[in-house]
Protein backbone atom coordinates (compact mmCIF):
# COMPACT_ATOMS: atom_id res chain seq x y z
CA MET A 1 -8.70 13.14 27.77
CA PHE A 2 -8.70 9.37 28.14
CA THR A 3 -12.07 9.13 26.45
CA ALA A 4 -10.91 11.20 23.47
CA LEU A 5 -7.80 9.05 23.13
CA ALA A 6 -9.80 5.83 23.34
CA GLU A 7 -12.17 7.15 20.69
CA LYS A 8 -9.32 7.97 18.31
CA LEU A 9 -7.73 4.57 18.89
CA TYR A 10 -11.01 2.86 18.12
CA ARG A 11 -11.60 4.81 14.93
CA TRP A 12 -7.99 4.28 13.78
CA ARG A 13 -7.79 0.68 14.92
CA LYS A 14 -7.48 -0.67 11.38
CA MET A 15 -4.59 1.65 10.52
CA LEU A 16 -2.88 0.80 13.81
CA LEU A 17 -3.20 -2.94 13.23
CA ILE A 18 -1.91 -3.02 9.63
CA PRO A 19 1.85 -2.39 10.30
CA PRO A 20 2.37 -4.96 13.10
CA THR A 21 0.20 -7.55 11.34
CA VAL A 22 1.96 -7.24 7.99
CA THR A 23 5.38 -7.03 9.69
CA GLY A 24 4.72 -10.18 11.72
CA LEU A 25 3.50 -12.06 8.66
CA VAL A 26 6.50 -11.08 6.52
CA ILE A 27 8.98 -11.86 9.32
CA GLY A 28 7.35 -15.27 9.68
CA ILE A 29 7.80 -15.88 5.95
CA SER A 30 11.43 -14.74 6.08
CA LEU A 31 12.20 -17.13 8.95
CA THR A 32 11.36 -20.05 6.65
CA GLY A 33 14.37 -19.07 4.51
CA ILE A 34 12.34 -18.37 1.36
CA LEU A 35 13.59 -14.79 1.14
CA GLU A 36 17.26 -15.53 1.96
CA PRO A 37 18.37 -15.97 -1.70
CA LEU A 38 16.83 -12.63 -2.66
CA GLU A 39 18.46 -10.89 0.31
CA LEU A 40 21.83 -12.38 -0.62
CA LEU A 41 21.48 -11.24 -4.24
CA THR A 42 20.73 -7.72 -2.98
CA PHE A 43 23.76 -7.95 -0.70
CA ASP A 44 25.91 -8.90 -3.70
CA GLN A 45 24.47 -6.03 -5.74
CA PHE A 46 25.50 -3.55 -3.03
CA PHE A 47 29.12 -4.72 -3.43
CA ARG A 48 28.95 -4.19 -7.18
CA TRP A 49 27.37 -0.73 -6.79
CA ARG A 50 30.05 0.27 -4.30
CA SER A 51 32.74 -0.92 -6.68
CA HIS A 52 31.44 1.37 -9.43
CA LEU A 53 29.87 4.27 -7.51
CA SER A 54 32.30 4.57 -4.60
CA SER A 55 35.63 3.92 -6.27
CA GLU A 56 37.31 6.70 -4.27
CA SER A 57 36.58 4.97 -0.97
CA GLU A 58 37.81 1.60 -2.29
CA LYS A 59 41.23 2.43 -3.70
CA GLN A 60 44.06 -0.04 -4.04
CA ASP A 61 45.29 -1.31 -0.71
CA PRO A 62 48.82 0.15 -0.39
CA ARG A 63 49.86 -2.29 2.32
CA ILE A 64 49.50 -5.51 0.33
CA VAL A 65 51.47 -6.78 -2.67
CA ILE A 66 50.43 -10.03 -4.36
CA ILE A 67 52.99 -12.11 -6.22
CA THR A 68 50.90 -14.03 -8.72
CA VAL A 69 51.53 -17.27 -10.54
CA ASP A 70 49.30 -17.32 -13.62
CA GLU A 71 49.07 -19.50 -16.72
CA ALA A 72 51.75 -17.51 -18.59
CA ASP A 73 54.19 -17.85 -15.67
CA ILE A 74 53.72 -21.63 -15.49
CA SER A 75 54.17 -21.90 -19.25
CA THR A 76 57.43 -19.93 -19.11
CA LEU A 77 58.75 -21.74 -16.04
CA GLN A 78 57.71 -25.06 -17.62
CA GLN A 79 57.08 -26.61 -14.25
CA TRP A 80 54.41 -26.88 -11.59
CA PRO A 81 54.51 -27.20 -8.72
CA LEU A 82 57.62 -25.13 -8.19
CA SER A 83 60.61 -27.07 -6.96
CA ASP A 84 61.83 -26.39 -3.44
CA ALA A 85 64.86 -24.68 -4.93
CA LYS A 86 62.76 -22.25 -6.98
CA LEU A 87 60.48 -21.53 -4.02
CA ALA A 88 63.47 -20.91 -1.76
CA GLN A 89 64.92 -18.55 -4.38
CA LEU A 90 61.63 -16.64 -4.58
CA ILE A 91 61.35 -16.22 -0.82
CA ASN A 92 64.97 -15.10 -0.54
CA ILE A 93 64.49 -12.39 -3.18
CA VAL A 94 61.42 -11.04 -1.37
CA LYS A 95 63.07 -11.40 2.02
CA GLN A 96 65.95 -9.18 0.97
CA GLU A 97 63.49 -6.36 0.23
CA THR A 98 62.54 -6.22 3.95
CA PRO A 99 58.79 -6.83 3.81
CA ARG A 100 56.94 -6.64 7.09
CA VAL A 101 55.43 -10.12 6.66
CA ILE A 102 55.34 -12.77 3.90
CA GLY A 103 52.33 -15.02 3.28
CA LEU A 104 53.00 -18.22 1.33
CA ASN A 105 49.61 -19.28 -0.03
CA ILE A 106 51.04 -22.41 -1.64
CA PHE A 107 50.70 -25.86 -0.07
CA ARG A 108 53.99 -27.55 0.74
CA ASP A 109 53.14 -30.71 2.69
CA PHE A 110 55.97 -32.75 1.15
CA PRO A 111 59.39 -31.97 -0.44
CA ILE A 112 59.64 -31.30 -4.17
CA GLU A 113 63.22 -31.88 -5.19
CA PRO A 114 65.64 -30.46 -5.89
CA GLY A 115 66.30 -27.99 -3.13
CA SER A 116 64.49 -29.25 -0.05
CA ASP A 117 67.46 -28.43 2.20
CA ALA A 118 67.62 -24.90 0.81
CA LEU A 119 63.91 -24.40 1.37
CA ASN A 120 64.08 -25.75 4.92
CA GLN A 121 66.90 -23.32 5.66
CA VAL A 122 64.85 -20.40 4.31
CA LEU A 123 61.80 -21.45 6.31
CA ASN A 124 63.91 -21.83 9.43
CA THR A 125 65.45 -18.37 9.11
CA THR A 126 62.40 -16.34 8.10
CA PRO A 127 60.38 -15.58 11.24
CA ASN A 128 58.00 -13.29 9.36
CA LEU A 129 56.93 -16.02 6.89
CA ILE A 130 53.47 -17.57 7.33
CA GLY A 131 52.50 -20.83 5.59
CA ILE A 132 49.14 -22.51 5.05
CA GLU A 133 47.29 -25.68 5.94
CA LYS A 134 43.82 -27.13 5.41
CA VAL A 135 42.06 -28.48 8.50
CA ILE A 136 38.47 -29.18 7.38
CA GLY A 137 37.56 -32.22 5.28
CA ASN A 138 40.56 -33.53 3.35
CA THR A 139 43.33 -32.04 5.45
CA ILE A 140 46.63 -30.78 4.02
CA LYS A 141 49.50 -30.36 6.45
CA PRO A 142 51.84 -27.35 6.51
CA PRO A 143 55.66 -27.54 6.34
CA GLU A 144 56.89 -29.13 9.55
CA ILE A 145 59.32 -26.29 10.30
CA LEU A 146 56.57 -23.64 10.08
CA SER A 147 54.20 -25.82 12.10
CA GLN A 148 56.69 -26.15 14.96
CA SER A 149 57.24 -22.37 15.06
CA LYS A 150 53.50 -21.73 14.80
CA GLN A 151 53.90 -19.77 11.59
CA VAL A 152 50.82 -21.30 9.99
CA GLY A 153 47.24 -20.36 9.27
CA PHE A 154 44.40 -22.38 7.73
CA VAL A 155 42.90 -21.40 4.38
CA ASP A 156 39.53 -23.18 4.68
CA LEU A 157 36.69 -21.00 3.41
CA VAL A 158 32.99 -20.87 4.24
CA ILE A 159 30.85 -21.30 1.14
CA ASP A 160 27.16 -20.36 1.11
CA SER A 161 24.48 -22.61 -0.36
CA ASP A 162 24.68 -20.76 -3.70
CA GLY A 163 28.42 -21.42 -3.96
CA LYS A 164 29.61 -17.92 -3.03
CA VAL A 165 32.08 -16.86 -0.36
CA ARG A 166 30.57 -14.10 1.78
CA ARG A 167 31.89 -15.03 5.21
CA ASP A 168 35.38 -15.09 6.65
CA LEU A 169 36.30 -17.93 9.01
CA ILE A 170 38.76 -16.51 11.55
CA THR A 171 39.26 -19.32 14.06
CA ILE A 172 38.46 -23.02 14.33
CA THR A 173 38.40 -24.94 17.60
CA SER A 174 38.61 -28.71 17.78
CA GLU A 175 39.31 -31.28 20.47
CA GLY A 176 41.97 -32.73 18.20
CA PHE A 177 44.08 -29.63 17.59
CA GLY A 178 42.69 -26.95 19.90
CA GLN A 179 42.21 -23.51 18.40
CA LYS A 180 43.73 -22.46 15.10
CA LEU A 181 43.85 -19.05 13.39
CA SER A 182 43.10 -18.45 9.75
CA PHE A 183 45.87 -17.60 7.31
CA ALA A 184 44.44 -14.12 6.71
CA MET A 185 44.11 -13.31 10.42
CA THR A 186 47.59 -14.64 11.22
CA LEU A 187 49.12 -12.42 8.52
CA ALA A 188 47.10 -9.39 9.61
CA LEU A 189 48.08 -9.80 13.27
CA SER A 190 51.74 -10.29 12.33
CA TYR A 191 51.63 -7.08 10.29
CA LEU A 192 49.90 -5.12 13.07
CA GLN A 193 52.20 -6.43 15.78
CA GLN A 194 54.96 -4.17 14.48
CA ASP A 195 52.65 -1.23 15.17
CA ASN A 196 52.15 -2.58 18.71
CA ILE A 197 48.54 -3.48 17.90
CA LEU A 198 47.45 -6.75 19.49
CA ALA A 199 44.14 -8.58 19.55
CA HIS A 200 42.29 -8.73 22.87
CA SER A 201 38.83 -9.47 24.19
CA GLY A 202 36.30 -6.68 24.48
CA ASP A 203 34.60 -5.46 27.64
CA SER A 204 31.01 -5.73 26.33
CA SER A 205 31.19 -9.41 25.42
CA GLU A 206 33.56 -12.34 25.84
CA GLU A 207 33.13 -13.08 22.13
CA GLU A 208 34.10 -9.55 21.06
CA ILE A 209 37.60 -9.21 19.63
CA ILE A 210 39.25 -5.79 19.49
CA ILE A 211 42.12 -5.21 17.09
CA GLY A 212 43.14 -1.55 17.04
CA ASN A 213 40.06 0.35 15.87
CA ALA A 214 38.34 -2.82 14.71
CA ARG A 215 35.66 -4.59 16.76
CA LEU A 216 34.76 -8.11 15.70
CA PHE A 217 31.62 -10.04 16.69
CA PRO A 218 30.86 -13.62 15.59
CA LEU A 219 27.84 -14.35 13.41
CA ASP A 220 25.01 -16.36 14.90
CA LYS A 221 22.84 -18.83 13.01
CA ASN A 222 20.35 -16.18 11.90
CA ALA A 223 22.74 -13.27 11.51
CA GLY A 224 21.55 -10.57 9.15
CA ASN A 225 19.47 -12.15 6.42
CA TYR A 226 20.89 -15.64 6.89
CA ILE A 227 18.56 -18.32 8.19
CA ASN A 228 19.94 -21.20 10.25
CA ILE A 229 23.46 -21.22 8.79
CA ASP A 230 26.35 -23.33 10.03
CA ASN A 231 28.18 -20.73 12.12
CA GLY A 232 30.85 -23.06 13.48
CA GLY A 233 34.11 -21.47 14.54
CA TYR A 234 34.38 -17.69 14.63
CA GLN A 235 32.86 -16.21 11.48
CA ILE A 236 32.44 -12.62 10.34
CA LEU A 237 31.09 -11.14 7.13
CA LEU A 238 33.76 -10.58 4.49
CA ASN A 239 33.82 -6.91 3.51
CA TYR A 240 35.46 -7.29 0.12
CA ARG A 241 37.62 -4.49 -1.21
CA GLY A 242 37.33 -5.80 -4.76
CA GLY A 243 39.01 -7.94 -7.37
CA ARG A 244 42.57 -8.00 -8.65
CA GLU A 245 42.41 -4.31 -9.60
CA LYS A 246 42.20 -3.34 -5.91
CA PHE A 247 45.63 -4.80 -5.09
CA GLN A 248 49.16 -4.23 -6.31
CA THR A 249 50.24 -7.35 -8.14
CA ILE A 250 53.45 -8.56 -9.75
CA SER A 251 54.14 -11.79 -11.62
CA ILE A 252 56.51 -14.36 -10.22
CA LEU A 253 58.68 -14.02 -13.34
CA ASP A 254 59.16 -10.31 -12.70
CA VAL A 255 60.27 -11.12 -9.18
CA PHE A 256 62.77 -13.71 -10.36
CA THR A 257 64.19 -11.17 -12.84
CA GLN A 258 63.82 -8.41 -10.22
CA GLN A 259 61.86 -6.19 -12.56
CA TYR A 260 60.05 -4.08 -9.98
CA PRO A 261 60.47 -0.59 -8.52
CA GLU A 262 62.83 0.08 -5.67
CA ASP A 263 61.33 -0.53 -2.22
CA PHE A 264 58.35 -2.24 -3.88
CA PHE A 265 58.15 -4.84 -1.07
CA ASP A 266 59.58 -2.70 1.72
CA ASP A 267 57.46 -2.72 4.92
CA ARG A 268 54.56 -4.35 3.12
CA LEU A 269 52.62 -7.55 3.49
CA VAL A 270 53.62 -9.76 0.57
CA LEU A 271 51.22 -12.51 -0.43
CA ILE A 272 52.50 -15.25 -2.73
CA GLY A 273 49.76 -17.24 -4.40
CA VAL A 274 48.59 -19.05 -7.52
CA THR A 275 46.00 -17.37 -9.74
CA ALA A 276 46.21 -19.77 -12.71
CA ASP A 277 42.87 -21.46 -13.34
CA SER A 278 44.50 -24.74 -14.23
CA VAL A 279 46.03 -25.31 -10.78
CA SER A 280 44.23 -22.87 -8.47
CA THR A 281 40.94 -23.45 -6.71
CA SER A 282 38.54 -20.66 -7.62
CA PHE A 283 35.42 -19.45 -5.84
CA LEU A 284 32.38 -17.34 -6.62
CA THR A 285 32.12 -13.97 -4.87
CA PRO A 286 29.56 -11.12 -4.76
CA TYR A 287 31.47 -9.32 -7.53
CA HIS A 288 31.29 -12.07 -10.10
CA PRO A 289 27.95 -13.91 -10.22
CA SER A 290 29.21 -16.47 -12.72
CA TYR A 291 32.98 -15.93 -12.88
CA PRO A 292 35.04 -17.36 -10.01
CA ILE A 293 38.24 -15.78 -8.68
CA SER A 294 41.25 -17.41 -7.09
CA GLY A 295 41.48 -18.22 -3.41
CA THR A 296 44.56 -15.97 -3.25
CA LEU A 297 42.47 -12.89 -4.03
CA ILE A 298 39.90 -13.91 -1.43
CA GLN A 299 42.69 -14.23 1.15
CA ALA A 300 43.95 -10.78 0.13
CA ASN A 301 40.48 -9.32 0.74
CA ALA A 302 40.25 -11.03 4.12
CA ILE A 303 43.66 -9.63 5.13
CA SER A 304 42.83 -6.17 3.81
CA GLN A 305 39.57 -5.86 5.74
CA ILE A 306 41.32 -6.52 9.08
CA LEU A 307 44.23 -4.18 8.40
CA ASN A 308 42.09 -1.31 7.19
CA ALA A 309 39.51 -1.71 9.95
CA ALA A 310 42.26 -1.72 12.59
CA LEU A 311 44.28 1.19 11.15
CA ASP A 312 41.95 3.29 8.98
CA ASP A 313 38.48 2.82 10.49
CA ARG A 314 37.21 1.17 7.31
CA PRO A 315 34.07 -0.50 8.66
CA LEU A 316 33.71 -4.22 9.07
CA LEU A 317 30.31 -5.46 8.00
CA LYS A 318 28.01 -5.97 10.95
CA VAL A 319 24.39 -6.98 11.44
CA TRP A 320 21.64 -5.83 13.78
CA SER A 321 20.14 -7.99 16.46
CA ASP A 322 16.74 -9.53 15.67
CA PRO A 323 14.73 -6.92 17.65
CA PHE A 324 16.42 -4.07 15.74
CA GLU A 325 15.80 -5.81 12.42
CA TRP A 326 12.12 -6.29 13.31
CA LEU A 327 11.86 -2.65 14.34
CA TRP A 328 13.46 -1.65 11.00
CA ILE A 329 10.88 -3.71 9.09
CA LEU A 330 8.03 -2.28 11.21
CA THR A 331 9.29 1.28 10.64
CA CYS A 332 9.51 0.73 6.87
CA THR A 333 6.04 -0.84 6.82
CA THR A 334 4.49 2.00 8.83
CA THR A 335 6.17 4.66 6.69
CA GLY A 336 5.07 2.96 3.48
CA MET A 337 1.52 2.62 4.75
CA LEU A 338 1.28 6.29 5.74
CA VAL A 339 2.80 7.54 2.48
CA THR A 340 0.42 5.37 0.46
CA TYR A 341 -2.56 6.46 2.55
CA ILE A 342 -1.74 10.14 2.10
CA ALA A 343 -1.10 9.70 -1.63
CA LEU A 344 -4.35 7.85 -2.20
CA THR A 345 -6.37 10.22 -0.05
CA LYS A 346 -5.11 13.45 -1.58
CA ASN A 347 -4.40 12.60 -5.18
CA THR A 348 -4.94 9.21 -6.69
CA PHE A 349 -8.69 8.87 -6.50
CA GLN A 350 -9.35 12.18 -8.19
CA TYR A 351 -8.37 10.64 -11.54
CA ASN A 352 -9.55 7.89 -13.87
CA SER A 353 -8.73 4.24 -13.22
CA VAL A 354 -5.64 4.12 -15.50
CA ILE A 355 -4.05 7.10 -13.81
CA LYS A 356 -5.03 5.70 -10.40
CA TRP A 357 -3.08 2.52 -11.11
CA LEU A 358 -0.17 4.45 -12.62
CA LEU A 359 0.09 6.71 -9.57
CA PHE A 360 -0.16 3.73 -7.23
CA ILE A 361 2.63 1.91 -9.07
CA LEU A 362 4.81 5.03 -9.18
CA ASN A 363 4.23 5.59 -5.47
CA ASN A 364 5.35 2.05 -4.64
CA CYS A 365 8.36 2.35 -6.97
CA TRP A 366 9.33 5.53 -5.15
CA LEU A 367 8.95 3.83 -1.78
CA GLY A 368 10.99 0.85 -3.01
CA LEU A 369 13.74 3.12 -4.32
CA LEU A 370 13.81 5.02 -1.02
CA LEU A 371 14.09 1.77 0.95
CA LEU A 372 16.78 0.42 -1.35
CA SER A 373 18.74 3.67 -1.05
CA GLY A 374 18.45 3.56 2.74
CA SER A 375 19.70 -0.03 2.89
CA TYR A 376 22.58 0.80 0.54
CA PHE A 377 23.53 3.85 2.63
CA LEU A 378 23.62 1.67 5.76
CA PHE A 379 25.73 -0.87 3.82
CA LEU A 380 28.27 1.86 3.07
CA GLN A 381 28.41 2.56 6.82
CA GLY A 382 29.12 -1.11 7.51
CA TRP A 383 25.62 -2.47 8.26
CA TRP A 384 23.88 -5.30 6.43
CA VAL A 385 20.17 -4.84 7.05
CA PRO A 386 17.11 -6.57 5.54
CA THR A 387 16.04 -5.07 2.21
CA ILE A 388 13.74 -7.48 0.40
CA THR A 389 11.80 -8.38 3.57
CA PRO A 390 10.76 -4.77 4.41
CA LEU A 391 10.19 -4.13 0.69
CA ILE A 392 7.60 -6.92 0.60
CA ALA A 393 6.09 -5.60 3.84
CA VAL A 394 5.83 -2.08 2.39
CA PHE A 395 4.21 -3.37 -0.78
CA GLY A 396 1.84 -5.56 1.25
CA SER A 397 0.71 -2.69 3.47
CA SER A 398 0.25 -0.49 0.38
CA VAL A 399 -2.00 -3.09 -1.23
CA ILE A 400 -4.05 -3.37 1.95
CA ILE A 401 -4.47 0.42 2.06
CA LEU A 402 -5.47 0.41 -1.62
CA VAL A 403 -8.07 -2.32 -1.08
CA ASP A 404 -9.36 -0.55 2.01
CA LYS A 405 -9.61 2.69 0.04
CA TRP A 406 -11.61 0.96 -2.65
CA LYS A 407 -13.90 -0.48 0.00
CA TYR A 408 -14.26 3.01 1.44
CA LEU A 409 -15.14 4.43 -1.98
CA ALA A 410 -17.75 1.70 -2.35
CA THR A 411 -19.47 3.26 0.66
CA PHE A 412 -19.20 6.81 -0.70
CA ASP A 413 -21.84 8.79 -2.60
CA THR A 414 -20.19 9.92 -5.84
CA LEU A 415 -22.65 12.80 -6.40
CA THR A 416 -22.54 14.64 -3.08
CA LYS A 417 -19.04 13.41 -2.02
CA VAL A 418 -20.32 12.28 1.38
CA PRO A 419 -20.69 8.71 2.74
CA ASN A 420 -23.68 6.69 1.57
CA ARG A 421 -26.35 4.78 3.48
CA LEU A 422 -24.24 1.63 3.80
CA TYR A 423 -21.40 3.48 5.53
CA PHE A 424 -23.86 5.48 7.62
CA ASP A 425 -25.38 2.29 9.07
CA LYS A 426 -21.91 1.01 9.99
CA VAL A 427 -20.82 4.25 11.71
CA LEU A 428 -24.13 4.60 13.55
CA GLU A 429 -23.78 1.10 15.00
CA GLN A 430 -20.19 1.86 16.09
CA THR A 431 -21.30 5.12 17.70
CA ARG A 432 -24.15 3.39 19.52
CA LEU A 433 -21.73 0.82 20.94
CA LEU A 434 -19.29 3.55 22.03
CA ARG A 435 -21.79 5.75 23.88
CA HIS A 436 -20.91 4.08 27.21
CA LEU A 437 -17.31 5.14 26.59
CA TYR A 438 -18.46 8.69 25.83
CA ARG A 439 -20.66 8.75 28.95
CA LYS A 440 -22.95 11.09 26.99
CA GLN A 441 -25.95 10.94 24.70
CA THR A 442 -25.73 10.23 20.99
CA SER A 443 -28.06 12.25 18.77
CA LEU A 444 -29.21 11.78 15.19
CA ILE A 445 -30.54 14.35 12.69
CA LEU A 446 -32.46 13.35 9.57
CA CYS A 447 -32.78 16.11 6.95
CA ASP A 448 -34.99 16.30 3.87
CA VAL A 449 -34.83 18.92 1.10
CA ASP A 450 -38.26 20.52 0.95
CA HIS A 451 -40.34 20.11 -2.24
CA PHE A 452 -37.45 18.49 -4.09
CA LYS A 453 -39.73 16.68 -6.57
CA GLN A 454 -41.14 20.02 -7.70
CA TYR A 455 -37.57 21.34 -7.99
CA ASN A 456 -36.62 18.50 -10.35
CA ASP A 457 -39.81 18.93 -12.35
CA THR A 458 -39.18 22.67 -12.70
CA TYR A 459 -35.41 22.84 -13.28
CA GLY A 460 -34.56 19.33 -14.48
CA HIS A 461 -32.54 16.50 -12.99
CA PRO A 462 -29.05 17.97 -13.76
CA ALA A 463 -30.05 21.08 -11.80
CA GLY A 464 -31.39 18.79 -9.05
CA ASP A 465 -28.02 17.06 -8.83
CA ARG A 466 -26.27 20.42 -8.52
CA CYS A 467 -28.76 21.42 -5.82
CA LEU A 468 -28.02 18.29 -3.77
CA LYS A 469 -24.26 18.94 -4.05
CA LYS A 470 -24.68 22.48 -2.72
CA VAL A 471 -26.97 21.34 0.08
CA ALA A 472 -24.46 18.65 1.14
CA GLN A 473 -21.68 21.27 1.18
CA GLY A 474 -23.87 23.62 3.22
CA ILE A 475 -24.68 20.92 5.80
CA ARG A 476 -21.00 20.01 6.08
CA MET A 477 -20.14 23.65 6.81
CA ALA A 478 -22.84 23.86 9.49
CA ILE A 479 -21.89 20.79 11.51
CA ARG A 480 -18.82 20.10 13.67
CA HIS A 481 -15.76 18.17 12.57
CA THR A 482 -16.68 15.38 15.00
CA ASP A 483 -20.11 14.92 13.42
CA PHE A 484 -20.74 12.40 10.64
CA LEU A 485 -22.70 13.40 7.54
CA ALA A 486 -24.10 10.87 5.04
CA ARG A 487 -26.55 10.82 2.17
CA TYR A 488 -29.39 8.76 3.54
CA GLY A 489 -31.24 8.41 0.27
CA GLY A 490 -32.70 10.56 -2.52
CA GLU A 491 -32.90 14.08 -1.13
CA GLU A 492 -32.41 12.96 2.50
CA PHE A 493 -29.26 13.44 4.59
CA ALA A 494 -28.37 12.05 8.04
CA ILE A 495 -25.99 13.46 10.64
CA ILE A 496 -24.65 11.43 13.58
CA LEU A 497 -23.70 13.60 16.56
CA PRO A 498 -21.59 11.70 19.13
CA LYS A 499 -21.51 12.99 22.71
CA THR A 500 -24.36 15.40 21.95
CA ASP A 501 -27.56 15.97 23.93
CA ILE A 502 -30.88 17.15 22.54
CA GLU A 503 -30.32 20.87 23.19
CA GLU A 504 -26.99 20.90 21.40
CA ALA A 505 -28.46 18.85 18.55
CA LYS A 506 -31.26 21.42 18.13
CA LYS A 507 -28.69 24.22 17.83
CA ILE A 508 -26.77 22.31 15.17
CA ALA A 509 -29.95 21.47 13.26
CA GLN A 510 -30.97 25.13 13.33
CA ARG A 511 -27.57 26.09 11.92
CA ILE A 512 -28.16 23.59 9.11
CA LEU A 513 -31.46 25.22 8.25
CA GLU A 514 -29.95 28.69 8.25
CA LYS A 515 -26.95 27.61 6.20
CA VAL A 516 -29.06 25.92 3.50
CA THR A 517 -31.34 28.96 3.27
CA SER A 518 -28.32 31.27 3.02
CA LEU A 519 -27.21 29.39 -0.11
CA LYS A 520 -30.18 31.06 -1.86
CA ILE A 521 -30.75 28.25 -4.33
CA SER A 522 -33.74 29.53 -6.30
CA HIS A 523 -36.94 27.42 -5.95
CA LYS A 524 -39.89 29.39 -7.37
CA THR A 525 -42.33 26.43 -7.20
CA SER A 526 -41.77 25.90 -3.46
CA SER A 527 -44.77 26.62 -1.25
CA THR A 528 -42.42 27.31 1.67
CA LYS A 529 -39.97 29.93 0.35
CA ASP A 530 -38.49 31.22 -2.87
CA TYR A 531 -35.27 29.39 -2.02
CA VAL A 532 -34.45 25.76 -1.29
CA THR A 533 -35.11 24.94 2.36
CA ILE A 534 -34.65 21.85 4.51
CA SER A 535 -36.56 20.13 7.34
CA CYS A 536 -34.94 18.26 10.24
CA GLY A 537 -36.01 15.57 12.67
CA ILE A 538 -33.97 14.75 15.77
CA SER A 539 -33.78 11.65 17.96
CA SER A 540 -31.44 10.89 20.83
CA LEU A 541 -30.02 7.84 22.55
CA LEU A 542 -29.29 8.04 26.28
CA ILE A 543 -26.52 6.07 27.99
CA GLN A 544 -28.99 3.75 29.67
CA ASP A 545 -31.11 3.23 26.53
CA HIS A 546 -31.13 -0.11 24.78
CA LEU A 547 -32.59 1.05 21.51
CA SER A 548 -31.38 -0.47 18.27
CA THR A 549 -30.10 1.75 15.47
CA LYS A 550 -33.23 0.98 13.48
CA ARG A 551 -35.37 2.27 16.34
CA LEU A 552 -33.27 5.42 16.62
CA ILE A 553 -33.63 6.12 12.90
CA LYS A 554 -37.36 5.44 13.05
CA GLN A 555 -37.76 8.00 15.80
CA ALA A 556 -35.81 10.65 13.86
CA ASP A 557 -37.89 9.86 10.77
CA LYS A 558 -41.12 10.39 12.70
CA ALA A 559 -39.83 13.75 13.95
CA LEU A 560 -38.93 14.68 10.36
CA TYR A 561 -42.42 13.72 9.19
CA LYS A 562 -43.90 15.94 11.88
CA ALA A 563 -41.68 18.85 10.72
CA LYS A 564 -43.10 18.48 7.22
CA GLN A 565 -46.64 18.36 8.57
CA GLN A 566 -46.09 21.61 10.47
CA GLY A 567 -45.01 23.55 7.36
CA ARG A 568 -41.40 22.42 6.64
CA ASN A 569 -38.21 24.49 7.06
CA ARG A 570 -38.14 23.69 10.76
CA VAL A 571 -36.58 21.42 13.41
CA ILE A 572 -38.67 18.91 15.39
CA VAL A 573 -37.35 16.75 18.25
CA TYR A 574 -38.81 13.29 18.64
CA GLU A 575 -41.13 12.78 21.59
CA PRO A 576 -43.39 9.77 22.24
CA SER A 577 -46.40 12.07 22.14
CA LEU A 578 -45.70 12.90 18.46
CA VAL A 579 -47.38 9.68 17.35
CA THR A 580 -50.26 7.82 18.86
CA ASP A 581 -48.96 4.40 17.88
CA GLU A 582 -45.58 4.69 19.65
CA LYS A 583 -44.82 1.56 21.61
């Protein structure tokens, strides 16, 4: 059993080495960061596909209302920034509608008269109001009243090297100010607190945060398809719900004039923010490759992902650990290699070169589409897995299989559809080296079609070609599946018989003779029979022998020559006594 397994492993060693070798090479390339931009573009495309193809699963968030301040509002109000009096009026109107929590995404680090006393009073009497600050780089302080009551969250965003926001920064820790929560997380936790849902550490890891049904894990430097990112603070991937169309919005003017449905703000999270391009900082997102959106909408998406993950089981985006990612790439590579091998073996090489290339390209397109669909399906389940990296690995393994197939065909006899002399020499040398593993003899049979020159002269070369095809088919039917048949040259064939002694080889050679005769290929000019016959010479290599392959072939050839001398259509086993010059 062990010997048979070792033999199979040896013969399939190339196929077994291709997947791990290609996988390792592609992973090494990906670790340089070259493939990161392509992976991020694919990641962005998944968001856009989900927005169009899965609209039912990404409906408007019913828990969030955004009060927007756009260019038309500023033009009508004829002022910006809003005075403290106007801002206090706005908050009071919303406050009276009993929202669960109010998020003020407008900086207010100094008074803007008139109305600072009125605004301070509103801030002091609105415990469910959360303000903003900026803590990274050029800092912007929050209102002092909100800071003292810890009703503040930072709005600093993490921007990738291509200028897009794909990550959500939840907490920042500094020696100067300790730990601070983001604006989005502070609002989400305030909203969930009224449902008695609190954040706490998980059991599996100190870094795990559990909020209702949501489980958060921080990104490491090489999370997902990122390579060596700055993962300071506590960062997670931002699972966008969408653009403005995914949230209920109302203009600030409509709020001032109270033109909104009854209970529009009741028990909801109300986010007040600027969307006007002239005064709002905008950012690129996966949805808009070249068109930025306001920071207010990004904050709304960050809030929405926490609320819906905690309450509705909408998945947060997660990544696999490196070993799982490597296993994913190896699995894709192995699958691609096997599919390509089967396709090339069974179909492709039966056609002309143009169709061969077309089928090869179509096969790789199909594999690429399958891989892309699998990655997208996992994305819908909340997993960001490598896509471009395994795609390159699949294509690489396919090319290797194609090149190997071409090399194999270069060692194949196109007439008889059996291996040629070049491949025979290679297999014979491998078999000779493996005989110690077999712990048995290796035998060789050389066959020659009797009176084949007369056959060609009588019936013509096209008929001779057809004769050789039939003879090759007959020999193949007579030997075992473990034996190796090759066209040795002209009208000669060679059969390698691993783990076969002389007696067994004689039986197989006799079957070959009988099978070829049973084909009844007419040969009226033969001096042996009226049908095509064949002669065989056998040599054998013992475990302890140190003969070269050339010596083994020479011995079989001498036995074949003796078979011809004795009248053809017979089997002769090599013995030293057959020739007087044997050394």
